Amino acid sequence: MQVLINKSSFLGNPTSGFDIYKTQALSLGSSTMIFPEDILSDDLQALIEKIRLFQGLPNNWDDYGAEKISPVAINDAIQFIQSYSGKNLPFYFAAPGVNGEVMVELKLGNRAAEVFFNPDRSTELLLFENNNCKLEGDLETNIEELISFFNEG
């Protein structure tokens, strides 16, 4: 099946530097709609579904006072995966955080990255090689470093 895409729409926080674009669904004929998730791998769809399930965690979900996971953090993490799935990034794992954030981990060989999506729409990025932190910053400023980190020869 050939996938047709008509345009992208901005979904990021207009006050942040993190410009996320998501492809809108396009009607093909009278009843066929193609959504971005329809063209994601099964593994990425499963990762997104796992992140969606975080919304069901109550306050104190870890029995140590953890906050309920922020819908904003959930949405931003999912948008990130959908938006950058075509950039050959090795999405690996996702976990809820005790402050309402969502962490997405990427891993390939001895390289790893942790991306934190916070309730206030800020982000944090950590890049690791051989368990040593090589970069610490925000995703907005360092998105190209993240992409090249996993795609350099």
N, C-alpha and C. Protein backbone atom coordinates (compact mmCIF):
# COMPACT_ATOMS: atom_id res chain seq x y z
N MET A 1 0.84 -1.17 0.00
CA MET A 1 0.00 0.00 0.00
C MET A 1 0.89 1.24 0.00
N GLN A 2 0.56 2.18 -0.82
CA GLN A 2 1.30 3.44 -0.85
C GLN A 2 0.67 4.40 0.15
N VAL A 3 1.50 5.04 0.94
CA VAL A 3 1.02 5.97 1.96
C VAL A 3 1.18 7.39 1.45
N LEU A 4 0.10 8.14 1.52
CA LEU A 4 0.11 9.53 1.10
C LEU A 4 0.00 10.42 2.32
N ILE A 5 0.74 11.49 2.34
CA ILE A 5 0.74 12.41 3.47
C ILE A 5 0.50 13.81 2.93
N ASN A 6 -0.44 14.53 3.55
CA ASN A 6 -0.73 15.84 2.99
C ASN A 6 -0.01 17.00 3.64
N LYS A 7 0.12 17.05 4.94
CA LYS A 7 0.85 18.16 5.57
C LYS A 7 1.15 17.83 7.01
N SER A 8 1.96 18.66 7.64
CA SER A 8 2.30 18.50 9.05
C SER A 8 1.71 19.66 9.83
N SER A 9 1.45 19.42 11.10
CA SER A 9 0.94 20.49 11.96
C SER A 9 1.78 20.54 13.22
N PHE A 10 1.97 21.72 13.75
CA PHE A 10 2.80 21.92 14.93
C PHE A 10 2.08 21.40 16.16
N LEU A 11 2.79 20.60 16.97
CA LEU A 11 2.20 20.10 18.20
C LEU A 11 3.05 20.42 19.42
N GLY A 12 4.15 21.11 19.25
CA GLY A 12 5.02 21.42 20.37
C GLY A 12 4.51 22.60 21.16
N ASN A 13 5.19 22.90 22.21
CA ASN A 13 4.87 24.05 23.04
C ASN A 13 5.42 25.29 22.34
N PRO A 14 4.57 26.25 21.95
CA PRO A 14 5.06 27.41 21.23
C PRO A 14 6.09 28.22 22.00
N THR A 15 6.18 28.03 23.32
CA THR A 15 7.16 28.78 24.08
C THR A 15 8.47 28.02 24.23
N SER A 16 8.51 26.77 23.76
CA SER A 16 9.76 26.01 23.85
C SER A 16 10.44 25.99 22.50
N GLY A 17 11.68 25.56 22.48
CA GLY A 17 12.40 25.43 21.23
C GLY A 17 12.23 24.06 20.60
N PHE A 18 11.41 23.21 21.20
CA PHE A 18 11.25 21.83 20.73
C PHE A 18 10.13 21.78 19.73
N ASP A 19 10.45 21.93 18.45
CA ASP A 19 9.46 21.93 17.39
C ASP A 19 9.16 20.51 16.96
N ILE A 20 8.03 19.99 17.40
CA ILE A 20 7.62 18.65 17.03
C ILE A 20 6.53 18.78 15.98
N TYR A 21 6.67 18.02 14.93
CA TYR A 21 5.66 18.00 13.91
C TYR A 21 5.07 16.61 13.81
N LYS A 22 3.79 16.54 13.62
CA LYS A 22 3.11 15.26 13.49
C LYS A 22 2.32 15.28 12.19
N THR A 23 2.43 14.23 11.44
CA THR A 23 1.72 14.14 10.19
C THR A 23 0.24 13.89 10.46
N GLN A 24 -0.59 14.63 9.79
CA GLN A 24 -2.02 14.44 9.94
C GLN A 24 -2.47 13.23 9.14
N ALA A 25 -3.60 12.68 9.55
CA ALA A 25 -4.18 11.57 8.82
C ALA A 25 -4.70 12.06 7.47
N LEU A 26 -4.68 11.20 6.50
CA LEU A 26 -5.13 11.54 5.16
C LEU A 26 -6.16 10.52 4.72
N SER A 27 -7.25 10.99 4.20
CA SER A 27 -8.28 10.11 3.70
C SER A 27 -7.89 9.61 2.32
N LEU A 28 -7.97 8.30 2.14
CA LEU A 28 -7.70 7.69 0.85
C LEU A 28 -9.00 7.06 0.38
N GLY A 29 -9.63 7.67 -0.58
CA GLY A 29 -10.91 7.14 -1.03
C GLY A 29 -12.00 7.51 -0.05
N SER A 30 -13.00 6.65 0.06
CA SER A 30 -14.17 7.00 0.86
C SER A 30 -14.05 6.62 2.33
N SER A 31 -13.20 5.62 2.68
CA SER A 31 -13.22 5.19 4.07
C SER A 31 -11.86 4.85 4.67
N THR A 32 -10.78 4.95 3.93
CA THR A 32 -9.48 4.56 4.45
C THR A 32 -8.76 5.78 5.01
N MET A 33 -8.35 5.66 6.27
CA MET A 33 -7.57 6.71 6.90
C MET A 33 -6.24 6.10 7.32
N ILE A 34 -5.15 6.83 7.14
CA ILE A 34 -3.84 6.36 7.57
C ILE A 34 -3.33 7.35 8.60
N PHE A 35 -3.02 6.83 9.77
CA PHE A 35 -2.51 7.63 10.86
C PHE A 35 -1.02 7.33 11.03
N PRO A 36 -0.26 8.23 11.64
CA PRO A 36 1.18 7.99 11.81
C PRO A 36 1.49 6.65 12.47
N GLU A 37 0.69 6.24 13.45
CA GLU A 37 0.98 4.97 14.13
C GLU A 37 0.81 3.78 13.20
N ASP A 38 0.02 3.94 12.13
CA ASP A 38 -0.18 2.83 11.21
C ASP A 38 1.10 2.48 10.46
N ILE A 39 2.06 3.40 10.40
CA ILE A 39 3.29 3.12 9.67
C ILE A 39 4.48 2.91 10.62
N LEU A 40 4.21 2.82 11.92
CA LEU A 40 5.26 2.54 12.90
C LEU A 40 5.43 1.03 13.03
N SER A 41 6.61 0.62 13.41
CA SER A 41 6.87 -0.81 13.64
C SER A 41 6.02 -1.30 14.82
N ASP A 42 5.86 -2.60 14.90
CA ASP A 42 5.14 -3.19 16.03
C ASP A 42 5.80 -2.85 17.36
N ASP A 43 7.14 -2.84 17.38
CA ASP A 43 7.86 -2.51 18.62
C ASP A 43 7.58 -1.08 19.06
N LEU A 44 7.56 -0.13 18.11
CA LEU A 44 7.28 1.26 18.48
C LEU A 44 5.83 1.44 18.89
N GLN A 45 4.93 0.75 18.24
CA GLN A 45 3.53 0.82 18.65
C GLN A 45 3.36 0.28 20.07
N ALA A 46 4.06 -0.80 20.39
CA ALA A 46 4.00 -1.37 21.75
C ALA A 46 4.58 -0.40 22.77
N LEU A 47 5.68 0.28 22.42
CA LEU A 47 6.29 1.26 23.32
C LEU A 47 5.33 2.42 23.57
N ILE A 48 4.68 2.90 22.53
CA ILE A 48 3.70 3.99 22.67
C ILE A 48 2.53 3.53 23.53
N GLU A 49 2.07 2.32 23.33
CA GLU A 49 0.96 1.81 24.15
C GLU A 49 1.38 1.72 25.61
N LYS A 50 2.60 1.29 25.87
CA LYS A 50 3.11 1.24 27.25
C LYS A 50 3.08 2.63 27.88
N ILE A 51 3.52 3.64 27.13
CA ILE A 51 3.53 5.01 27.65
C ILE A 51 2.10 5.48 27.92
N ARG A 52 1.18 5.15 27.03
CA ARG A 52 -0.23 5.53 27.25
C ARG A 52 -0.77 4.94 28.56
N LEU A 53 -0.33 3.75 28.90
CA LEU A 53 -0.80 3.10 30.12
C LEU A 53 -0.34 3.82 31.39
N PHE A 54 0.70 4.65 31.28
CA PHE A 54 1.17 5.41 32.44
C PHE A 54 0.07 6.33 32.98
N GLN A 55 -0.87 6.74 32.12
CA GLN A 55 -1.93 7.64 32.58
C GLN A 55 -2.82 6.99 33.64
N GLY A 56 -2.80 5.67 33.72
CA GLY A 56 -3.60 4.97 34.73
C GLY A 56 -2.94 4.85 36.08
N LEU A 57 -1.69 5.29 36.19
CA LEU A 57 -1.00 5.21 37.48
C LEU A 57 -1.51 6.32 38.41
N PRO A 58 -1.92 5.97 39.62
CA PRO A 58 -2.43 6.98 40.55
C PRO A 58 -1.28 7.69 41.27
N ASN A 59 -1.62 8.72 42.04
CA ASN A 59 -0.63 9.30 42.95
C ASN A 59 -0.12 8.19 43.85
N ASN A 60 1.14 8.26 44.22
CA ASN A 60 1.78 7.28 45.10
C ASN A 60 1.84 5.88 44.46
N TRP A 61 1.96 5.82 43.14
CA TRP A 61 1.96 4.54 42.43
C TRP A 61 3.13 3.65 42.82
N ASP A 62 4.17 4.23 43.38
CA ASP A 62 5.34 3.44 43.79
C ASP A 62 5.39 3.19 45.30
N ASP A 63 4.36 3.61 46.01
CA ASP A 63 4.27 3.51 47.48
C ASP A 63 5.30 4.36 48.21
N TYR A 64 5.95 5.28 47.50
CA TYR A 64 6.92 6.19 48.11
C TYR A 64 6.59 7.65 47.81
N GLY A 65 5.35 7.92 47.41
CA GLY A 65 4.92 9.29 47.19
C GLY A 65 5.06 9.81 45.78
N ALA A 66 5.24 8.93 44.80
CA ALA A 66 5.38 9.37 43.41
C ALA A 66 4.12 10.10 42.94
N GLU A 67 4.33 11.10 42.10
CA GLU A 67 3.22 11.86 41.55
C GLU A 67 2.59 11.10 40.38
N LYS A 68 1.32 11.39 40.14
CA LYS A 68 0.63 10.87 38.97
C LYS A 68 1.38 11.34 37.72
N ILE A 69 1.47 10.49 36.71
CA ILE A 69 2.21 10.86 35.51
C ILE A 69 1.43 11.91 34.73
N SER A 70 2.13 12.96 34.36
CA SER A 70 1.53 14.10 33.68
C SER A 70 1.05 13.74 32.27
N PRO A 71 -0.19 14.09 31.92
CA PRO A 71 -0.66 13.88 30.55
C PRO A 71 0.19 14.63 29.53
N VAL A 72 0.72 15.78 29.93
CA VAL A 72 1.60 16.55 29.05
C VAL A 72 2.88 15.76 28.76
N ALA A 73 3.47 15.18 29.79
CA ALA A 73 4.69 14.38 29.61
C ALA A 73 4.42 13.16 28.75
N ILE A 74 3.28 12.51 28.97
CA ILE A 74 2.91 11.35 28.16
C ILE A 74 2.77 11.75 26.70
N ASN A 75 2.05 12.81 26.45
CA ASN A 75 1.83 13.28 25.08
C ASN A 75 3.15 13.66 24.41
N ASP A 76 4.00 14.39 25.12
CA ASP A 76 5.27 14.82 24.53
C ASP A 76 6.17 13.62 24.21
N ALA A 77 6.19 12.62 25.07
CA ALA A 77 7.01 11.42 24.82
C ALA A 77 6.50 10.68 23.58
N ILE A 78 5.19 10.53 23.48
CA ILE A 78 4.61 9.85 22.31
C ILE A 78 4.87 10.63 21.03
N GLN A 79 4.71 11.94 21.08
CA GLN A 79 4.98 12.78 19.91
C GLN A 79 6.44 12.66 19.46
N PHE A 80 7.33 12.60 20.43
CA PHE A 80 8.76 12.45 20.12
C PHE A 80 9.01 11.15 19.36
N ILE A 81 8.47 10.06 19.85
CA ILE A 81 8.66 8.76 19.19
C ILE A 81 8.06 8.79 17.79
N GLN A 82 6.85 9.30 17.66
CA GLN A 82 6.21 9.36 16.35
C GLN A 82 6.98 10.25 15.38
N SER A 83 7.44 11.38 15.87
CA SER A 83 8.11 12.35 15.01
C SER A 83 9.49 11.91 14.56
N TYR A 84 10.19 11.15 15.41
CA TYR A 84 11.58 10.79 15.10
C TYR A 84 11.75 9.31 14.80
N SER A 85 10.68 8.60 14.58
CA SER A 85 10.77 7.17 14.26
C SER A 85 11.50 6.92 12.95
N GLY A 86 11.48 7.85 12.04
CA GLY A 86 12.15 7.70 10.76
C GLY A 86 13.61 8.13 10.75
N LYS A 87 14.15 8.49 11.89
CA LYS A 87 15.53 8.98 11.99
C LYS A 87 16.51 7.90 12.42
N ASN A 88 16.11 6.64 12.33
CA ASN A 88 16.98 5.52 12.66
C ASN A 88 17.48 5.58 14.11
N LEU A 89 16.57 5.95 15.00
CA LEU A 89 16.90 5.99 16.42
C LEU A 89 16.48 4.68 17.08
N PRO A 90 17.33 4.12 17.94
CA PRO A 90 17.05 2.82 18.56
C PRO A 90 16.21 2.94 19.84
N PHE A 91 14.93 3.27 19.68
CA PHE A 91 14.04 3.35 20.83
C PHE A 91 14.04 2.00 21.52
N TYR A 92 14.16 2.01 22.85
CA TYR A 92 14.41 0.78 23.57
C TYR A 92 13.43 0.53 24.72
N PHE A 93 13.12 1.57 25.49
CA PHE A 93 12.41 1.38 26.74
C PHE A 93 11.75 2.69 27.16
N ALA A 94 10.71 2.61 27.97
CA ALA A 94 10.10 3.80 28.57
C ALA A 94 9.71 3.49 30.00
N ALA A 95 9.78 4.50 30.85
CA ALA A 95 9.43 4.32 32.26
C ALA A 95 8.81 5.59 32.81
N PRO A 96 7.89 5.43 33.77
CA PRO A 96 7.35 6.60 34.45
C PRO A 96 8.35 7.09 35.49
N GLY A 97 8.28 8.38 35.79
CA GLY A 97 9.16 8.95 36.81
C GLY A 97 8.39 9.42 38.02
N VAL A 98 9.06 9.50 39.14
CA VAL A 98 8.41 9.83 40.41
C VAL A 98 7.90 11.27 40.49
N ASN A 99 8.37 12.14 39.60
CA ASN A 99 7.93 13.53 39.60
C ASN A 99 6.91 13.82 38.50
N GLY A 100 6.30 12.75 37.95
CA GLY A 100 5.29 12.91 36.91
C GLY A 100 5.86 12.93 35.51
N GLU A 101 7.15 12.69 35.36
CA GLU A 101 7.79 12.71 34.04
C GLU A 101 7.72 11.34 33.37
N VAL A 102 8.08 11.32 32.08
CA VAL A 102 8.23 10.08 31.32
C VAL A 102 9.65 10.06 30.80
N MET A 103 10.32 8.90 30.97
CA MET A 103 11.67 8.73 30.46
C MET A 103 11.61 7.75 29.29
N VAL A 104 12.23 8.14 28.18
CA VAL A 104 12.37 7.27 27.02
C VAL A 104 13.85 6.96 26.87
N GLU A 105 14.16 5.68 26.81
CA GLU A 105 15.55 5.26 26.65
C GLU A 105 15.78 4.76 25.23
N LEU A 106 16.94 5.11 24.70
CA LEU A 106 17.40 4.62 23.41
C LEU A 106 18.70 3.88 23.65
N LYS A 107 18.93 2.79 22.94
CA LYS A 107 20.13 1.99 23.20
C LYS A 107 20.57 1.27 21.93
N LEU A 108 21.88 1.32 21.69
CA LEU A 108 22.49 0.62 20.57
C LEU A 108 23.93 0.29 20.94
N GLY A 109 24.22 -0.98 21.12
CA GLY A 109 25.57 -1.38 21.51
C GLY A 109 25.97 -0.75 22.82
N ASN A 110 27.11 -0.05 22.82
CA ASN A 110 27.61 0.59 24.04
C ASN A 110 27.15 2.04 24.17
N ARG A 111 26.20 2.44 23.34
CA ARG A 111 25.66 3.81 23.40
C ARG A 111 24.22 3.79 23.89
N ALA A 112 23.90 4.75 24.72
CA ALA A 112 22.55 4.86 25.26
C ALA A 112 22.20 6.34 25.44
N ALA A 113 20.91 6.60 25.44
CA ALA A 113 20.41 7.95 25.70
C ALA A 113 19.18 7.83 26.58
N GLU A 114 19.03 8.79 27.47
CA GLU A 114 17.83 8.91 28.28
C GLU A 114 17.25 10.29 27.99
N VAL A 115 15.97 10.29 27.62
CA VAL A 115 15.27 11.55 27.35
C VAL A 115 14.12 11.64 28.33
N PHE A 116 14.08 12.72 29.09
CA PHE A 116 13.05 12.93 30.10
C PHE A 116 12.09 14.01 29.60
N PHE A 117 10.81 13.69 29.65
CA PHE A 117 9.75 14.63 29.29
C PHE A 117 9.03 15.00 30.58
N ASN A 118 9.19 16.25 30.98
CA ASN A 118 8.71 16.72 32.27
C ASN A 118 7.31 17.33 32.19
N PRO A 119 6.59 17.36 33.31
CA PRO A 119 5.24 17.93 33.31
C PRO A 119 5.17 19.39 32.87
N ASP A 120 6.25 20.15 33.05
CA ASP A 120 6.26 21.56 32.65
C ASP A 120 6.69 21.76 31.20
N ARG A 121 6.78 20.67 30.42
CA ARG A 121 7.15 20.63 29.00
C ARG A 121 8.65 20.81 28.77
N SER A 122 9.43 20.90 29.83
CA SER A 122 10.87 20.92 29.65
C SER A 122 11.34 19.49 29.37
N THR A 123 12.55 19.38 28.85
CA THR A 123 13.12 18.07 28.55
C THR A 123 14.54 18.02 29.07
N GLU A 124 15.02 16.81 29.28
CA GLU A 124 16.40 16.58 29.65
C GLU A 124 16.93 15.46 28.78
N LEU A 125 18.18 15.56 28.35
CA LEU A 125 18.81 14.55 27.51
C LEU A 125 20.16 14.19 28.10
N LEU A 126 20.39 12.89 28.24
CA LEU A 126 21.68 12.37 28.68
C LEU A 126 22.14 11.37 27.62
N LEU A 127 23.37 11.54 27.13
CA LEU A 127 23.96 10.60 26.19
C LEU A 127 25.10 9.86 26.90
N PHE A 128 25.12 8.54 26.76
CA PHE A 128 26.12 7.70 27.42
C PHE A 128 26.85 6.85 26.39
N GLU A 129 28.15 6.72 26.58
CA GLU A 129 28.95 5.77 25.80
C GLU A 129 29.82 5.01 26.79
N ASN A 130 29.75 3.69 26.75
CA ASN A 130 30.48 2.84 27.71
C ASN A 130 30.17 3.26 29.15
N ASN A 131 28.91 3.56 29.42
CA ASN A 131 28.43 3.95 30.75
C ASN A 131 28.99 5.28 31.25
N ASN A 132 29.64 6.05 30.38
CA ASN A 132 30.13 7.38 30.73
C ASN A 132 29.23 8.42 30.08
N CYS A 133 28.82 9.41 30.85
CA CYS A 133 27.97 10.47 30.32
C CYS A 133 28.79 11.36 29.39
N LYS A 134 28.36 11.44 28.14
CA LYS A 134 29.06 12.24 27.13
C LYS A 134 28.41 13.60 26.90
N LEU A 135 27.11 13.70 27.21
CA LEU A 135 26.41 14.96 27.00
C LEU A 135 25.24 15.02 27.97
N GLU A 136 25.05 16.18 28.55
CA GLU A 136 23.90 16.44 29.40
C GLU A 136 23.34 17.78 29.00
N GLY A 137 22.06 17.81 28.65
CA GLY A 137 21.44 19.06 28.22
C GLY A 137 19.96 18.84 28.00
N ASP A 138 19.37 19.72 27.22
CA ASP A 138 17.96 19.55 26.91
C ASP A 138 17.81 19.04 25.48
N LEU A 139 16.69 18.41 25.21
CA LEU A 139 16.46 17.82 23.90
C LEU A 139 16.33 18.89 22.82
N GLU A 140 15.71 20.00 23.16
CA GLU A 140 15.50 21.07 22.19
C GLU A 140 16.81 21.53 21.57
N THR A 141 17.81 21.73 22.39
CA THR A 141 19.11 22.23 21.94
C THR A 141 19.96 21.13 21.29
N ASN A 142 19.75 19.89 21.71
CA ASN A 142 20.66 18.82 21.35
C ASN A 142 20.05 17.71 20.49
N ILE A 143 18.95 17.97 19.82
CA ILE A 143 18.30 16.93 19.02
C ILE A 143 19.22 16.41 17.91
N GLU A 144 19.97 17.28 17.27
CA GLU A 144 20.87 16.84 16.20
C GLU A 144 22.00 15.98 16.75
N GLU A 145 22.47 16.32 17.96
CA GLU A 145 23.50 15.49 18.60
C GLU A 145 22.97 14.10 18.89
N LEU A 146 21.71 14.02 19.34
CA LEU A 146 21.10 12.72 19.61
C LEU A 146 21.03 11.89 18.33
N ILE A 147 20.56 12.48 17.26
CA ILE A 147 20.43 11.76 15.99
C ILE A 147 21.80 11.30 15.49
N SER A 148 22.77 12.19 15.49
CA SER A 148 24.10 11.81 14.98
C SER A 148 24.79 10.81 15.90
N PHE A 149 24.51 10.87 17.20
CA PHE A 149 25.12 9.95 18.18
C PHE A 149 24.84 8.49 17.80
N PHE A 150 23.63 8.23 17.32
CA PHE A 150 23.26 6.86 16.96
C PHE A 150 23.42 6.56 15.47
N ASN A 151 23.76 7.55 14.68
CA ASN A 151 23.85 7.34 13.24
C ASN A 151 25.23 7.58 12.64
N GLU A 152 26.23 7.86 13.48
CA GLU A 152 27.56 8.04 12.93
C GLU A 152 28.22 6.67 12.77
N GLY A 153 29.05 6.55 11.77
CA GLY A 153 29.68 5.27 11.41
C GLY A 153 30.76 4.91 12.31
